[in-house]
Amino acid sequence: MDPAKVNTMAVQLVEANEAPGGVQLVNSRRTNKHSSPMDLVELASSIQQADEFVKATAGSKLTVIADQIRYLQEQARKVCGNPRFLCYVSTNDIYLH
């Protein structure tokens, strides 16, 4: 391409006016804020810590539930092993007579 034939024209892609048409659409101090790249790193770190906290909390609650299930299973074994009770085991239920 011949540089002499190239048209050069400045194009403004985004209007720099804070209130185009006399109406302020956004807060220019918030949208044009220059922040440190470390802010993004800190945000990512906070998200990671929150994720670890949620996993730990959910894990501990599931552990408590699993312990309760084991305890109830042991109690059911004791009851079904007692000759005074007759246990019928169905797919989802245990019937005591």
Protein backbone atom coordinates (compact mmCIF):
# COMPACT_ATOMS: atom_id res chain seq x y z
CA MET A 1 0.00 0.00 0.00
CA ASP A 2 1.28 3.41 -0.91
CA PRO A 3 1.68 5.58 2.24
CA ALA A 4 0.87 8.71 0.23
CA LYS A 5 -2.62 7.40 -0.56
CA VAL A 6 -3.53 6.37 3.01
CA ASN A 7 -6.15 8.55 4.65
CA THR A 8 -5.38 9.28 8.25
CA MET A 9 -8.23 10.37 10.41
CA ALA A 10 -8.52 10.52 14.17
CA VAL A 11 -11.50 8.61 15.46
CA GLN A 12 -12.92 9.04 18.93
CA LEU A 13 -14.46 5.71 19.93
CA VAL A 14 -15.85 6.70 23.29
CA GLU A 15 -17.16 10.10 24.06
CA ALA A 16 -15.13 11.77 26.81
CA ASN A 17 -18.03 13.98 27.82
CA GLU A 18 -19.22 13.17 31.36
CA ALA A 19 -22.79 14.13 30.48
CA PRO A 20 -23.51 13.49 26.80
CA GLY A 21 -26.65 15.30 25.74
CA GLY A 22 -26.74 16.98 29.14
CA VAL A 23 -27.52 13.76 31.02
CA GLN A 24 -24.98 12.14 33.30
CA LEU A 25 -25.27 8.39 32.71
CA VAL A 26 -22.62 7.07 35.07
CA ASN A 27 -20.39 8.31 37.84
CA SER A 28 -17.19 9.19 36.01
CA ARG A 29 -15.10 8.95 39.18
CA ARG A 30 -16.05 5.29 39.55
CA THR A 31 -15.85 4.28 35.91
CA ASN A 32 -12.57 6.05 35.17
CA LYS A 33 -10.89 4.95 38.39
CA HIS A 34 -7.32 3.86 37.95
CA SER A 35 -6.65 1.10 40.42
CA SER A 36 -3.64 -0.91 41.29
CA PRO A 37 -3.17 -4.32 39.64
CA MET A 38 -2.70 -5.61 43.20
CA ASP A 39 -6.41 -4.94 43.82
CA LEU A 40 -7.24 -7.78 41.43
CA VAL A 41 -4.72 -10.05 43.16
CA GLU A 42 -6.23 -9.21 46.55
CA LEU A 43 -9.72 -9.89 45.24
CA ALA A 44 -8.62 -13.27 43.86
CA SER A 45 -7.01 -14.10 47.20
CA SER A 46 -10.21 -13.20 49.07
CA ILE A 47 -12.27 -15.37 46.73
CA GLN A 48 -9.88 -18.28 47.24
CA GLN A 49 -10.08 -17.93 51.03
CA ALA A 50 -13.88 -17.81 50.90
CA ASP A 51 -13.91 -20.93 48.71
CA GLU A 52 -11.67 -22.78 51.17
CA PHE A 53 -13.89 -21.69 54.08
CA VAL A 54 -17.03 -22.93 52.32
CA LYS A 55 -15.37 -26.28 51.54
CA ALA A 56 -14.19 -26.67 55.15
CA THR A 57 -17.60 -25.78 56.57
CA ALA A 58 -19.46 -28.10 54.21
CA GLY A 59 -16.92 -30.87 54.84
CA SER A 60 -17.29 -30.62 58.61
CA LYS A 61 -21.09 -30.68 58.38
CA LEU A 62 -20.96 -33.74 56.11
CA THR A 63 -18.61 -35.44 58.59
CA VAL A 64 -21.12 -34.85 61.40
CA ILE A 65 -23.92 -36.28 59.24
CA ALA A 66 -21.80 -39.34 58.35
CA ASP A 67 -21.06 -39.93 62.06
CA GLN A 68 -24.77 -39.70 62.84
CA ILE A 69 -25.57 -42.23 60.09
CA ARG A 70 -22.95 -44.64 61.44
CA TYR A 71 -24.38 -44.28 64.95
CA LEU A 72 -27.93 -44.95 63.74
CA GLN A 73 -26.76 -47.96 61.74
CA GLU A 74 -25.10 -49.38 64.85
CA GLN A 75 -28.27 -48.81 66.87
CA ALA A 76 -30.31 -50.55 64.16
CA ARG A 77 -27.91 -53.53 64.23
CA LYS A 78 -28.31 -53.78 68.00
CA VAL A 79 -32.10 -53.66 67.78
CA CYS A 80 -32.27 -56.18 64.93
CA GLY A 81 -29.86 -58.47 66.79
CA ASN A 82 -32.09 -58.49 69.87
CA PRO A 83 -34.27 -61.65 69.88
CA ARG A 84 -37.23 -59.70 71.34
CA PHE A 85 -37.63 -57.85 68.02
CA LEU A 86 -38.36 -59.29 64.62
CA CYS A 87 -36.90 -57.08 61.88
CA TYR A 88 -38.00 -57.05 58.27
CA VAL A 89 -35.67 -55.19 55.98
CA SER A 90 -37.20 -53.65 52.90
CA THR A 91 -35.39 -51.73 50.17
CA ASN A 92 -35.69 -48.43 51.99
CA ASP A 93 -37.12 -49.25 55.41
CA ILE A 94 -36.65 -51.51 58.44
CA TYR A 95 -39.84 -52.77 60.04
CA LEU A 96 -39.86 -53.79 63.71
CA HIS A 97 -42.46 -56.18 65.13
